[in-house]
Amino acid sequence: MTTNLQIGEKFPDFTLPNYRNELTQLSQFTKPGLLDQHLGFLDGYPLILVFYRGFFCPRDQQQMREFIQFQDELRVNYCQLVCVSADPPIVQAAFRAGLGVQWTFLSDEKREIIKQINILDQTEGEYANRAQPYTFVLKPDLSIYKIYNGWFFVGRPTVEELRRDLRAIMETLSNYHYEAYNTPEVRQIRIPQQEWANGVPPLGANGLPVEQGVVRDFDLQTGNGFITTQKGDDVFFNFTAIPGEGYRTIKPGTAVKFEVVKGKFGLSARNIQLIC
């Protein structure tokens, strides 16, 4: 094994430009989301980090095609996949678009990280100074759980191997089991649908303070948003805080009144009702 990294060590938390030429730090892919943070689930999520030779390599192309079948599963499991090569961002953008993939590509055009972890390939005659193909499975704190040496294609992980690796890491997280969500603190923010079964409860009937404000933003993908109160505070909310069934949405700029939950990790809104 060529790399100087070993299982259990921390992977360098590097910063590289992505395929849009935006500087991106590795640890941003493993951080807990907004809802997790407000619920107190601060572990974060695992990451699959792939170093590949470049867009031209048929073995890399085959590996990417196999990942395409895996990307939807990664999304619903809250895990991330990131691929790194020495290709410049504009080339990565074209490669990514041609494949039709949705995960992030990072460009180590100067070979700084590739050299730092000792995987620079200096043996190829046609395409010199490229990354040796390695796949690292990282825990949320960027410690290395598994290393796959893909010099020969058979050494690269299958989707099933990666699924087993991710499962083993996920099972150690504080929010992996149902019981973590079935607590009074969590149910105040991630509100069970049963609470609205008999109609919208009157605001403040449970003793919580009531405030008014305007929806600052709402993310349709995550179901999370913020309300700016009349006092100028930003209050987090999850879509389950809007009474009703199914997936509820609300437009930014909407005037609302709501109950305020003061948790360990900030203010959250519940029982959000429109002001006509």
C-alpha atoms as a PDB file:
ATOM      1  CA  MET A   1       0.000   0.000   0.000  1.00  0.00           C
ATOM      2  CA  THR A   2       1.546   3.279  -1.143  1.00  0.00           C
ATOM      3  CA  THR A   3      -0.381   5.886   0.822  1.00  0.00           C
ATOM      4  CA  ASN A   4       1.148   7.015   4.095  1.00  0.00           C
ATOM      5  CA  LEU A   5      -2.299   7.046   5.730  1.00  0.00           C
ATOM      6  CA  GLN A   6      -3.565   4.201   7.883  1.00  0.00           C
ATOM      7  CA  ILE A   7      -6.933   3.074   9.201  1.00  0.00           C
ATOM      8  CA  GLY A   8      -7.858   5.023  12.337  1.00  0.00           C
ATOM      9  CA  GLU A   9      -5.865   8.130  11.401  1.00  0.00           C
ATOM     10  CA  LYS A  10      -7.513  11.436  10.583  1.00  0.00           C
ATOM     11  CA  PHE A  11      -7.696  12.354   6.925  1.00  0.00           C
ATOM     12  CA  PRO A  12      -6.373  15.885   6.236  1.00  0.00           C
ATOM     13  CA  ASP A  13      -9.221  18.403   6.280  1.00  0.00           C
ATOM     14  CA  PHE A  14      -8.132  19.983   3.018  1.00  0.00           C
ATOM     15  CA  THR A  15      -9.709  22.793   0.999  1.00  0.00           C
ATOM     16  CA  LEU A  16      -9.875  22.519  -2.803  1.00  0.00           C
ATOM     17  CA  PRO A  17     -11.893  24.152  -5.603  1.00  0.00           C
ATOM     18  CA  ASN A  18     -14.927  22.177  -6.707  1.00  0.00           C
ATOM     19  CA  TYR A  19     -16.145  21.679 -10.281  1.00  0.00           C
ATOM     20  CA  ARG A  20     -17.645  25.207 -10.111  1.00  0.00           C
ATOM     21  CA  ASN A  21     -14.253  26.561  -8.983  1.00  0.00           C
ATOM     22  CA  GLU A  22     -15.619  27.291  -5.483  1.00  0.00           C
ATOM     23  CA  LEU A  23     -13.264  26.618  -2.567  1.00  0.00           C
ATOM     24  CA  THR A  24     -14.666  23.713  -0.583  1.00  0.00           C
ATOM     25  CA  GLN A  25     -13.496  22.215   2.721  1.00  0.00           C
ATOM     26  CA  LEU A  26     -13.690  18.449   3.144  1.00  0.00           C
ATOM     27  CA  SER A  27     -15.301  18.539   6.610  1.00  0.00           C
ATOM     28  CA  GLN A  28     -18.343  20.385   5.277  1.00  0.00           C
ATOM     29  CA  PHE A  29     -19.495  17.080   3.754  1.00  0.00           C
ATOM     30  CA  THR A  30     -19.638  15.276   7.110  1.00  0.00           C
ATOM     31  CA  LYS A  31     -21.187  17.965   9.307  1.00  0.00           C
ATOM     32  CA  PRO A  32     -24.679  17.413  10.753  1.00  0.00           C
ATOM     33  CA  GLY A  33     -27.502  19.252   9.026  1.00  0.00           C
ATOM     34  CA  LEU A  34     -29.503  22.099  10.532  1.00  0.00           C
ATOM     35  CA  LEU A  35     -32.284  19.856  11.805  1.00  0.00           C
ATOM     36  CA  ASP A  36     -29.790  17.444  13.372  1.00  0.00           C
ATOM     37  CA  GLN A  37     -28.045  20.321  15.116  1.00  0.00           C
ATOM     38  CA  HIS A  38     -31.280  21.621  16.655  1.00  0.00           C
ATOM     39  CA  LEU A  39     -32.224  18.101  17.726  1.00  0.00           C
ATOM     40  CA  GLY A  40     -28.851  17.656  19.430  1.00  0.00           C
ATOM     41  CA  PHE A  41     -27.602  14.982  17.003  1.00  0.00           C
ATOM     42  CA  LEU A  42     -24.108  16.342  16.466  1.00  0.00           C
ATOM     43  CA  ASP A  43     -22.313  13.257  15.163  1.00  0.00           C
ATOM     44  CA  GLY A  44     -22.457  14.066  11.438  1.00  0.00           C
ATOM     45  CA  TYR A  45     -22.364  11.452   8.667  1.00  0.00           C
ATOM     46  CA  PRO A  46     -19.799   9.251   6.878  1.00  0.00           C
ATOM     47  CA  LEU A  47     -18.115  10.148   3.606  1.00  0.00           C
ATOM     48  CA  ILE A  48     -16.786   8.132   0.658  1.00  0.00           C
ATOM     49  CA  LEU A  49     -13.705   9.900  -0.733  1.00  0.00           C
ATOM     50  CA  VAL A  50     -12.456   8.706  -4.129  1.00  0.00           C
ATOM     51  CA  PHE A  51      -9.183   9.704  -5.790  1.00  0.00           C
ATOM     52  CA  TYR A  52      -9.140   8.885  -9.515  1.00  0.00           C
ATOM     53  CA  ARG A  53      -6.684   9.334 -12.387  1.00  0.00           C
ATOM     54  CA  GLY A  54      -8.844  11.488 -14.628  1.00  0.00           C
ATOM     55  CA  PHE A  55     -11.722  11.716 -17.068  1.00  0.00           C
ATOM     56  CA  PHE A  56      -9.718   9.832 -19.719  1.00  0.00           C
ATOM     57  CA  CYS A  57      -9.250   6.600 -17.732  1.00  0.00           C
ATOM     58  CA  PRO A  58     -11.674   3.816 -18.767  1.00  0.00           C
ATOM     59  CA  ARG A  59     -11.418   2.212 -15.325  1.00  0.00           C
ATOM     60  CA  ASP A  60     -12.364   5.501 -13.660  1.00  0.00           C
ATOM     61  CA  GLN A  61     -15.257   5.873 -16.087  1.00  0.00           C
ATOM     62  CA  GLN A  62     -16.502   2.402 -15.146  1.00  0.00           C
ATOM     63  CA  GLN A  63     -16.201   3.158 -11.426  1.00  0.00           C
ATOM     64  CA  MET A  64     -18.213   6.372 -11.866  1.00  0.00           C
ATOM     65  CA  ARG A  65     -20.931   4.517 -13.779  1.00  0.00           C
ATOM     66  CA  GLU A  66     -21.259   2.086 -10.898  1.00  0.00           C
ATOM     67  CA  PHE A  67     -21.539   4.993  -8.442  1.00  0.00           C
ATOM     68  CA  ILE A  68     -24.394   6.456 -10.484  1.00  0.00           C
ATOM     69  CA  GLN A  69     -26.520   3.511  -9.372  1.00  0.00           C
ATOM     70  CA  PHE A  70     -25.575   4.305  -5.761  1.00  0.00           C
ATOM     71  CA  GLN A  71     -26.060   8.085  -5.609  1.00  0.00           C
ATOM     72  CA  ASP A  72     -29.798   8.053  -4.906  1.00  0.00           C
ATOM     73  CA  GLU A  73     -29.265   5.629  -2.039  1.00  0.00           C
ATOM     74  CA  LEU A  74     -26.535   7.845  -0.583  1.00  0.00           C
ATOM     75  CA  ARG A  75     -28.865  10.841  -0.652  1.00  0.00           C
ATOM     76  CA  VAL A  76     -31.653   9.194   1.322  1.00  0.00           C
ATOM     77  CA  ASN A  77     -29.094   7.780   3.760  1.00  0.00           C
ATOM     78  CA  TYR A  78     -27.581  11.272   4.318  1.00  0.00           C
ATOM     79  CA  CYS A  79     -24.118  10.057   3.281  1.00  0.00           C
ATOM     80  CA  GLN A  80     -21.855  11.842   0.813  1.00  0.00           C
ATOM     81  CA  LEU A  81     -19.567  10.878  -2.058  1.00  0.00           C
ATOM     82  CA  VAL A  82     -16.715  13.138  -3.188  1.00  0.00           C
ATOM     83  CA  CYS A  83     -14.279  12.483  -6.050  1.00  0.00           C
ATOM     84  CA  VAL A  84     -10.858  14.144  -6.375  1.00  0.00           C
ATOM     85  CA  SER A  85      -8.524  14.304  -9.375  1.00  0.00           C
ATOM     86  CA  ALA A  86      -5.851  16.537 -10.888  1.00  0.00           C
ATOM     87  CA  ASP A  87      -8.245  17.583 -13.658  1.00  0.00           C
ATOM     88  CA  PRO A  88      -9.029  21.333 -13.623  1.00  0.00           C
ATOM     89  CA  PRO A  89     -12.532  22.344 -12.501  1.00  0.00           C
ATOM     90  CA  ILE A  90     -13.790  23.065 -16.026  1.00  0.00           C
ATOM     91  CA  VAL A  91     -12.815  19.554 -17.143  1.00  0.00           C
ATOM     92  CA  GLN A  92     -14.425  18.017 -14.078  1.00  0.00           C
ATOM     93  CA  ALA A  93     -17.613  19.977 -14.746  1.00  0.00           C
ATOM     94  CA  ALA A  94     -17.794  18.576 -18.268  1.00  0.00           C
ATOM     95  CA  PHE A  95     -17.016  15.025 -17.066  1.00  0.00           C
ATOM     96  CA  ARG A  96     -19.652  15.289 -14.349  1.00  0.00           C
ATOM     97  CA  ALA A  97     -22.281  16.637 -16.745  1.00  0.00           C
ATOM     98  CA  GLY A  98     -21.514  13.940 -19.306  1.00  0.00           C
ATOM     99  CA  LEU A  99     -21.988  11.233 -16.687  1.00  0.00           C
ATOM    100  CA  GLY A 100     -25.152  12.855 -15.336  1.00  0.00           C
ATOM    101  CA  VAL A 101     -23.990  12.586 -11.712  1.00  0.00           C
ATOM    102  CA  GLN A 102     -24.986  14.714  -8.734  1.00  0.00           C
ATOM    103  CA  TRP A 103     -22.106  14.304  -6.298  1.00  0.00           C
ATOM    104  CA  THR A 104     -19.192  16.735  -5.874  1.00  0.00           C
ATOM    105  CA  PHE A 105     -15.874  16.701  -7.728  1.00  0.00           C
ATOM    106  CA  LEU A 106     -12.837  18.503  -6.263  1.00  0.00           C
ATOM    107  CA  SER A 107      -9.795  19.599  -8.246  1.00  0.00           C
ATOM    108  CA  ASP A 108      -6.273  19.038  -6.918  1.00  0.00           C
ATOM    109  CA  GLU A 109      -4.701  20.517 -10.028  1.00  0.00           C
ATOM    110  CA  LYS A 110      -1.493  21.419  -8.159  1.00  0.00           C
ATOM    111  CA  ARG A 111      -1.272  17.853  -6.734  1.00  0.00           C
ATOM    112  CA  GLU A 112      -0.884  19.237  -3.207  1.00  0.00           C
ATOM    113  CA  ILE A 113      -3.150  16.730  -1.446  1.00  0.00           C
ATOM    114  CA  ILE A 114      -2.187  13.903  -3.796  1.00  0.00           C
ATOM    115  CA  LYS A 115       1.447  14.432  -2.824  1.00  0.00           C
ATOM    116  CA  GLN A 116       0.654  14.994   0.855  1.00  0.00           C
ATOM    117  CA  ILE A 117      -0.947  11.543   1.202  1.00  0.00           C
ATOM    118  CA  ASN A 118       1.706   9.973  -1.053  1.00  0.00           C
ATOM    119  CA  ILE A 119      -0.451   8.663  -3.906  1.00  0.00           C
ATOM    120  CA  LEU A 120       1.153  10.526  -6.832  1.00  0.00           C
ATOM    121  CA  ASP A 121       1.629   8.121  -9.749  1.00  0.00           C
ATOM    122  CA  GLN A 122       4.945   8.686 -11.540  1.00  0.00           C
ATOM    123  CA  THR A 123       4.993   5.458 -13.556  1.00  0.00           C
ATOM    124  CA  GLU A 124       2.485   6.163 -16.317  1.00  0.00           C
ATOM    125  CA  GLY A 125       4.025   6.973 -19.704  1.00  0.00           C
ATOM    126  CA  GLU A 126       1.119   8.819 -21.290  1.00  0.00           C
ATOM    127  CA  TYR A 127      -0.593  10.481 -18.319  1.00  0.00           C
ATOM    128  CA  ALA A 128       2.057  11.280 -15.714  1.00  0.00           C
ATOM    129  CA  ASN A 129       1.672  12.798 -12.262  1.00  0.00           C
ATOM    130  CA  ARG A 130      -1.864  11.636 -11.611  1.00  0.00           C
ATOM    131  CA  ALA A 131      -3.439  10.263  -8.452  1.00  0.00           C
ATOM    132  CA  GLN A 132      -3.211   6.560  -7.864  1.00  0.00           C
ATOM    133  CA  PRO A 133      -6.812   5.331  -7.597  1.00  0.00           C
ATOM    134  CA  TYR A 134      -7.707   5.077  -3.906  1.00  0.00           C
ATOM    135  CA  THR A 135     -11.041   5.043  -2.105  1.00  0.00           C
ATOM    136  CA  PHE A 136     -11.230   6.109   1.548  1.00  0.00           C
ATOM    137  CA  VAL A 137     -14.312   5.559   3.714  1.00  0.00           C
ATOM    138  CA  LEU A 138     -14.298   8.233   6.415  1.00  0.00           C
ATOM    139  CA  LYS A 139     -16.177   8.536   9.681  1.00  0.00           C
ATOM    140  CA  PRO A 140     -17.889  11.864  10.475  1.00  0.00           C
ATOM    141  CA  ASP A 141     -14.782  13.127  12.297  1.00  0.00           C
ATOM    142  CA  LEU A 142     -12.730  12.321   9.136  1.00  0.00           C
ATOM    143  CA  SER A 143     -10.997   9.356  10.762  1.00  0.00           C
ATOM    144  CA  ILE A 144     -10.333   6.572   8.259  1.00  0.00           C
ATOM    145  CA  TYR A 145     -12.568   3.508   8.545  1.00  0.00           C
ATOM    146  CA  LYS A 146     -11.479   1.677   5.374  1.00  0.00           C
ATOM    147  CA  ILE A 147      -8.886   2.085   2.602  1.00  0.00           C
ATOM    148  CA  TYR A 148      -9.269   0.527  -0.857  1.00  0.00           C
ATOM    149  CA  ASN A 149      -6.257   0.425  -3.210  1.00  0.00           C
ATOM    150  CA  GLY A 150      -7.660   0.513  -6.731  1.00  0.00           C
ATOM    151  CA  TRP A 151      -4.448   0.221  -8.767  1.00  0.00           C
ATOM    152  CA  PHE A 152      -6.077  -2.833 -10.321  1.00  0.00           C
ATOM    153  CA  PHE A 153      -9.801  -2.401 -10.820  1.00  0.00           C
ATOM    154  CA  VAL A 154     -10.577  -5.464  -8.715  1.00  0.00           C
ATOM    155  CA  GLY A 155      -9.191  -3.576  -5.705  1.00  0.00           C
ATOM    156  CA  ARG A 156     -11.867  -0.907  -5.938  1.00  0.00           C
ATOM    157  CA  PRO A 157     -14.856  -1.309  -3.631  1.00  0.00           C
ATOM    158  CA  THR A 158     -18.157  -2.616  -4.892  1.00  0.00           C
ATOM    159  CA  VAL A 159     -21.369  -0.828  -4.019  1.00  0.00           C
ATOM    160  CA  GLU A 160     -22.218  -3.646  -1.604  1.00  0.00           C
ATOM    161  CA  GLU A 161     -18.875  -3.283   0.201  1.00  0.00           C
ATOM    162  CA  LEU A 162     -19.436   0.452   0.565  1.00  0.00           C
ATOM    163  CA  ARG A 163     -22.974  -0.149   1.810  1.00  0.00           C
ATOM    164  CA  ARG A 164     -21.627  -2.454   4.544  1.00  0.00           C
ATOM    165  CA  ASP A 165     -18.968   0.112   5.507  1.00  0.00           C
ATOM    166  CA  LEU A 166     -21.518   2.908   5.764  1.00  0.00           C
ATOM    167  CA  ARG A 167     -23.903   0.734   7.770  1.00  0.00           C
ATOM    168  CA  ALA A 168     -21.181  -0.128  10.278  1.00  0.00           C
ATOM    169  CA  ILE A 169     -20.411   3.567  10.786  1.00  0.00           C
ATOM    170  CA  MET A 170     -24.058   4.648  10.903  1.00  0.00           C
ATOM    171  CA  GLU A 171     -24.845   2.092  13.600  1.00  0.00           C
ATOM    172  CA  THR A 172     -22.499   3.968  15.949  1.00  0.00           C
ATOM    173  CA  LEU A 173     -24.294   7.318  15.571  1.00  0.00           C
ATOM    174  CA  SER A 174     -26.451   8.740  18.350  1.00  0.00           C
ATOM    175  CA  ASN A 175     -29.511   9.066  16.093  1.00  0.00           C
ATOM    176  CA  TYR A 176     -29.344   5.662  14.382  1.00  0.00           C
ATOM    177  CA  HIS A 177     -32.114   4.067  16.437  1.00  0.00           C
ATOM    178  CA  TYR A 178     -35.799   5.025  16.616  1.00  0.00           C
ATOM    179  CA  GLU A 179     -35.626   5.659  20.357  1.00  0.00           C
ATOM    180  CA  ALA A 180     -33.441   8.730  19.760  1.00  0.00           C
ATOM    181  CA  TYR A 181     -36.353  10.448  18.020  1.00  0.00           C
ATOM    182  CA  ASN A 182     -39.031   9.352  20.476  1.00  0.00           C
ATOM    183  CA  THR A 183     -38.138  11.858  23.207  1.00  0.00           C
ATOM    184  CA  PRO A 184     -40.040  14.976  24.372  1.00  0.00           C
ATOM    185  CA  GLU A 185     -37.191  17.266  23.307  1.00  0.00           C
ATOM    186  CA  VAL A 186     -37.071  15.930  19.755  1.00  0.00           C
ATOM    187  CA  ARG A 187     -40.853  15.699  19.387  1.00  0.00           C
ATOM    188  CA  GLN A 188     -41.148  19.412  20.157  1.00  0.00           C
ATOM    189  CA  ILE A 189     -39.165  20.227  17.004  1.00  0.00           C
ATOM    190  CA  ARG A 190     -39.799  17.253  14.704  1.00  0.00           C
ATOM    191  CA  ILE A 191     -43.515  17.209  15.476  1.00  0.00           C
ATOM    192  CA  PRO A 192     -45.449  13.934  14.987  1.00  0.00           C
ATOM    193  CA  GLN A 193     -48.382  14.210  12.590  1.00  0.00           C
ATOM    194  CA  GLN A 194     -50.702  12.794  15.258  1.00  0.00           C
ATOM    195  CA  GLU A 195     -50.582  16.128  17.085  1.00  0.00           C
ATOM    196  CA  TRP A 196     -52.636  17.723  14.308  1.00  0.00           C
ATOM    197  CA  ALA A 197     -55.071  14.794  13.931  1.00  0.00           C
ATOM    198  CA  ASN A 198     -57.898  16.541  15.810  1.00  0.00           C
ATOM    199  CA  GLY A 199     -57.330  19.978  14.277  1.00  0.00           C
ATOM    200  CA  VAL A 200     -54.915  22.807  14.808  1.00  0.00           C
ATOM    201  CA  PRO A 201     -54.325  23.353  18.550  1.00  0.00           C
ATOM    202  CA  PRO A 202     -54.763  26.903  19.883  1.00  0.00           C
ATOM    203  CA  LEU A 203     -51.526  28.858  20.063  1.00  0.00           C
ATOM    204  CA  GLY A 204     -50.052  28.953  23.569  1.00  0.00           C
ATOM    205  CA  ALA A 205     -52.454  26.360  24.998  1.00  0.00           C
ATOM    206  CA  ASN A 206     -49.438  24.253  26.056  1.00  0.00           C
ATOM    207  CA  GLY A 207     -47.846  27.151  27.945  1.00  0.00           C
ATOM    208  CA  LEU A 208     -45.224  27.999  25.321  1.00  0.00           C
ATOM    209  CA  PRO A 209     -44.683  31.687  24.447  1.00  0.00           C
ATOM    210  CA  VAL A 210     -46.267  32.927  21.208  1.00  0.00           C
ATOM    211  CA  GLU A 211     -44.559  35.293  18.760  1.00  0.00           C
ATOM    212  CA  GLN A 212     -45.104  36.748  15.303  1.00  0.00           C
ATOM    213  CA  GLY A 213     -42.716  37.082  12.419  1.00  0.00           C
ATOM    214  CA  VAL A 214     -42.044  36.616   8.708  1.00  0.00           C
ATOM    215  CA  VAL A 215     -40.673  33.489   7.034  1.00  0.00           C
ATOM    216  CA  ARG A 216     -37.136  34.433   5.985  1.00  0.00           C
ATOM    217  CA  ASP A 217     -36.444  31.327   3.917  1.00  0.00           C
ATOM    218  CA  PHE A 218     -37.596  27.759   3.400  1.00  0.00           C
ATOM    219  CA  ASP A 219     -35.560  24.978   1.772  1.00  0.00           C
ATOM    220  CA  LEU A 220     -37.838  22.681  -0.218  1.00  0.00           C
ATOM    221  CA  GLN A 221     -35.189  19.952  -0.316  1.00  0.00           C
ATOM    222  CA  THR A 222     -34.517  19.714   3.428  1.00  0.00           C
ATOM    223  CA  GLY A 223     -37.872  20.966   4.749  1.00  0.00           C
ATOM    224  CA  ASN A 224     -36.093  23.435   7.042  1.00  0.00           C
ATOM    225  CA  GLY A 225     -36.467  27.199   7.301  1.00  0.00           C
ATOM    226  CA  PHE A 226     -36.129  30.302   9.452  1.00  0.00           C
ATOM    227  CA  ILE A 227     -38.591  32.885  10.707  1.00  0.00           C
ATOM    228  CA  THR A 228     -37.460  36.419  11.593  1.00  0.00           C
ATOM    229  CA  THR A 229     -39.443  37.616  14.604  1.00  0.00           C
ATOM    230  CA  GLN A 230     -40.618  41.144  15.312  1.00  0.00           C
ATOM    231  CA  LYS A 231     -37.731  41.353  17.791  1.00  0.00           C
ATOM    232  CA  GLY A 232     -35.246  40.517  15.037  1.00  0.00           C
ATOM    233  CA  ASP A 233     -34.468  36.963  16.200  1.00  0.00           C
ATOM    234  CA  ASP A 234     -34.037  34.146  13.676  1.00  0.00           C
ATOM    235  CA  VAL A 235     -36.069  31.095  14.709  1.00  0.00           C
ATOM    236  CA  PHE A 236     -35.462  27.694  13.100  1.00  0.00           C
ATOM    237  CA  PHE A 237     -38.335  25.450  12.035  1.00  0.00           C
ATOM    238  CA  ASN A 238     -38.878  22.086  10.369  1.00  0.00           C
ATOM    239  CA  PHE A 239     -41.835  21.558   8.019  1.00  0.00           C
ATOM    240  CA  THR A 240     -43.463  19.321  10.650  1.00  0.00           C
ATOM    241  CA  ALA A 241     -44.003  22.476  12.722  1.00  0.00           C
ATOM    242  CA  ILE A 242     -46.707  23.498  10.209  1.00  0.00           C
ATOM    243  CA  PRO A 243     -49.995  21.776  11.183  1.00  0.00           C
ATOM    244  CA  GLY A 244     -51.313  19.346   8.582  1.00  0.00           C
ATOM    245  CA  GLU A 245     -50.655  16.062   6.837  1.00  0.00           C
ATOM    246  CA  GLY A 246     -47.935  15.054   4.406  1.00  0.00           C
ATOM    247  CA  TYR A 247     -45.124  17.343   3.275  1.00  0.00           C
ATOM    248  CA  ARG A 248     -45.970  20.968   4.051  1.00  0.00           C
ATOM    249  CA  THR A 249     -44.325  24.036   2.520  1.00  0.00           C
ATOM    250  CA  ILE A 250     -44.447  27.754   3.172  1.00  0.00           C
ATOM    251  CA  LYS A 251     -43.257  30.670   1.033  1.00  0.00           C
ATOM    252  CA  PRO A 252     -40.613  33.156   2.177  1.00  0.00           C
ATOM    253  CA  GLY A 253     -42.209  36.485   3.053  1.00  0.00           C
ATOM    254  CA  THR A 254     -45.261  34.870   4.656  1.00  0.00           C
ATOM    255  CA  ALA A 255     -46.407  36.499   7.909  1.00  0.00           C
ATOM    256  CA  VAL A 256     -46.918  33.906  10.651  1.00  0.00           C
ATOM    257  CA  LYS A 257     -47.549  33.457  14.365  1.00  0.00           C
ATOM    258  CA  PHE A 258     -46.103  30.506  16.244  1.00  0.00           C
ATOM    259  CA  GLU A 259     -44.985  28.994  19.525  1.00  0.00           C
ATOM    260  CA  VAL A 260     -41.328  29.282  20.524  1.00  0.00           C
ATOM    261  CA  VAL A 261     -39.303  26.363  21.887  1.00  0.00           C
ATOM    262  CA  LYS A 262     -36.083  27.350  23.673  1.00  0.00           C
ATOM    263  CA  GLY A 263     -33.752  24.382  23.323  1.00  0.00           C
ATOM    264  CA  LYS A 264     -30.097  23.760  24.110  1.00  0.00           C
ATOM    265  CA  PHE A 265     -29.178  24.517  20.510  1.00  0.00           C
ATOM    266  CA  GLY A 266     -31.238  27.645  19.846  1.00  0.00           C
ATOM    267  CA  LEU A 267     -34.793  28.772  19.217  1.00  0.00           C
ATOM    268  CA  SER A 268     -37.259  26.642  17.252  1.00  0.00           C
ATOM    269  CA  ALA A 269     -40.819  27.309  16.091  1.00  0.00           C
ATOM    270  CA  ARG A 270     -43.820  24.992  16.339  1.00  0.00           C
ATOM    271  CA  ASN A 271     -47.542  25.245  15.536  1.00  0.00           C
ATOM    272  CA  ILE A 272     -46.862  27.772  12.766  1.00  0.00           C
ATOM    273  CA  GLN A 273     -50.043  29.499  11.597  1.00  0.00           C
ATOM    274  CA  LEU A 274     -50.566  32.048   8.840  1.00  0.00           C
ATOM    275  CA  ILE A 275     -51.592  35.609   9.688  1.00  0.00           C
ATOM    276  CA  CYS A 276     -54.424  36.481   7.295  1.00  0.00           C
END
